[in-house]
Amino acid sequence: MIAEITMVVGALKTLNAGIKTVKESGSHLSDIAGIFSTLTESKAAVETIEQAAKAGDHLLTQKEALELAWAKNAIREEEKALKKITPREVWRDMLAIQH
């Protein structure tokens, strides 16, 4: 389980760098799409970990629980940053497609 959490944390670092690059260089559709995909994958990974813990398949250690909570917060922050650089209509369409 720690490997999955570490993967999410790594993806979040990539997201942060990607968002920073898009902000500095101007928004390019392919860059935003890649960032959104990574964000979606990170959210799905966190959800999978939480479901496994809830079902009793894996008991999270204190360290894993803390890292998971940090990852969830980082995902929310990265999502806010991505939303700010994405046109409103595009954001709504991306969320509709994601669900």
Protein backbone atom coordinates (compact mmCIF):
# COMPACT_ATOMS: atom_id res chain seq x y z
CA MET A 1 0.00 0.00 0.00
CA ILE A 2 2.91 2.36 0.69
CA ALA A 3 4.01 1.93 -2.94
CA GLU A 4 0.63 3.13 -4.20
CA ILE A 5 0.72 6.17 -1.93
CA THR A 6 4.28 6.93 -3.03
CA MET A 7 3.12 6.72 -6.65
CA VAL A 8 0.33 9.23 -5.95
CA VAL A 9 2.77 11.61 -4.25
CA GLY A 10 5.12 11.36 -7.23
CA ALA A 11 2.27 12.08 -9.62
CA LEU A 12 1.30 15.12 -7.58
CA LYS A 13 4.83 16.50 -7.85
CA THR A 14 4.61 16.04 -11.62
CA LEU A 15 1.22 17.80 -11.62
CA ASN A 16 2.62 20.75 -9.72
CA ALA A 17 5.50 21.12 -12.18
CA GLY A 18 3.13 20.78 -15.14
CA ILE A 19 0.73 23.40 -13.87
CA LYS A 20 3.61 25.77 -13.22
CA THR A 21 4.88 25.24 -16.77
CA VAL A 22 1.44 25.85 -18.30
CA LYS A 23 1.03 29.04 -16.24
CA GLU A 24 4.41 30.37 -17.33
CA SER A 25 4.19 29.46 -21.00
CA GLY A 26 0.51 30.08 -21.62
CA SER A 27 -2.11 27.39 -21.70
CA HIS A 28 -1.64 24.71 -24.33
CA LEU A 29 -4.43 22.20 -24.74
CA SER A 30 -2.18 19.15 -24.81
CA ASP A 31 -0.41 20.25 -21.61
CA ILE A 32 -3.71 20.82 -19.81
CA ALA A 33 -5.05 17.47 -21.03
CA GLY A 34 -1.98 15.65 -19.73
CA ILE A 35 -2.21 17.36 -16.36
CA PHE A 36 -5.92 16.59 -16.12
CA SER A 37 -5.24 12.92 -16.93
CA THR A 38 -2.61 12.68 -14.21
CA LEU A 39 -4.96 14.38 -11.76
CA THR A 40 -7.74 11.93 -12.63
CA GLU A 41 -5.40 8.95 -12.20
CA SER A 42 -4.23 10.27 -8.84
CA LYS A 43 -7.81 10.70 -7.63
CA ALA A 44 -8.64 7.15 -8.75
CA ALA A 45 -5.56 5.75 -6.98
CA VAL A 46 -6.49 7.48 -3.72
CA GLU A 47 -10.05 6.21 -4.03
CA THR A 48 -8.79 2.65 -4.58
CA ILE A 49 -6.55 2.86 -1.51
CA GLU A 50 -9.39 4.24 0.60
CA GLN A 51 -11.77 1.50 -0.57
CA ALA A 52 -9.22 -1.20 0.26
CA ALA A 53 -8.75 0.26 3.73
CA LYS A 54 -12.49 0.61 4.26
CA ALA A 55 -13.14 -2.98 3.15
CA GLY A 56 -10.49 -4.21 5.55
CA ASP A 57 -8.23 -5.50 2.79
CA HIS A 58 -5.40 -3.36 4.13
CA LEU A 59 -4.95 -1.68 7.48
CA LEU A 60 -3.23 1.66 6.92
CA THR A 61 -0.30 2.44 9.15
CA GLN A 62 -0.15 5.84 10.76
CA LYS A 63 2.46 6.92 8.19
CA GLU A 64 0.33 5.67 5.27
CA ALA A 65 -2.78 7.40 6.62
CA LEU A 66 -0.85 10.66 6.98
CA GLU A 67 0.59 10.40 3.47
CA LEU A 68 -2.84 9.59 2.07
CA ALA A 69 -4.38 12.60 3.80
CA TRP A 70 -1.57 14.80 2.45
CA ALA A 71 -2.10 13.40 -1.05
CA LYS A 72 -5.85 14.11 -0.92
CA ASN A 73 -5.17 17.69 0.12
CA ALA A 74 -2.54 18.10 -2.59
CA ILE A 75 -4.98 16.77 -5.19
CA ARG A 76 -7.56 19.36 -4.14
CA GLU A 77 -4.97 22.14 -4.35
CA GLU A 78 -3.70 21.01 -7.76
CA GLU A 79 -7.27 20.73 -9.02
CA LYS A 80 -7.92 24.33 -7.94
CA ALA A 81 -4.76 25.50 -9.71
CA LEU A 82 -5.68 23.65 -12.89
CA LYS A 83 -9.21 25.05 -12.77
CA LYS A 84 -7.82 28.59 -12.62
CA ILE A 85 -5.84 28.18 -15.84
CA THR A 86 -8.57 26.34 -17.76
CA PRO A 87 -11.45 28.16 -19.50
CA ARG A 88 -14.74 27.59 -17.65
CA GLU A 89 -16.50 25.81 -20.51
CA VAL A 90 -13.54 23.51 -21.08
CA TRP A 91 -13.39 22.71 -17.35
CA ARG A 92 -17.07 21.73 -17.28
CA ASP A 93 -16.64 19.51 -20.33
CA MET A 94 -13.55 17.86 -18.83
CA LEU A 95 -15.42 17.06 -15.63
CA ALA A 96 -18.42 15.71 -17.55
CA ILE A 97 -16.16 13.44 -19.59
CA GLN A 98 -14.27 12.36 -16.46
CA HIS A 99 -17.47 11.14 -14.80
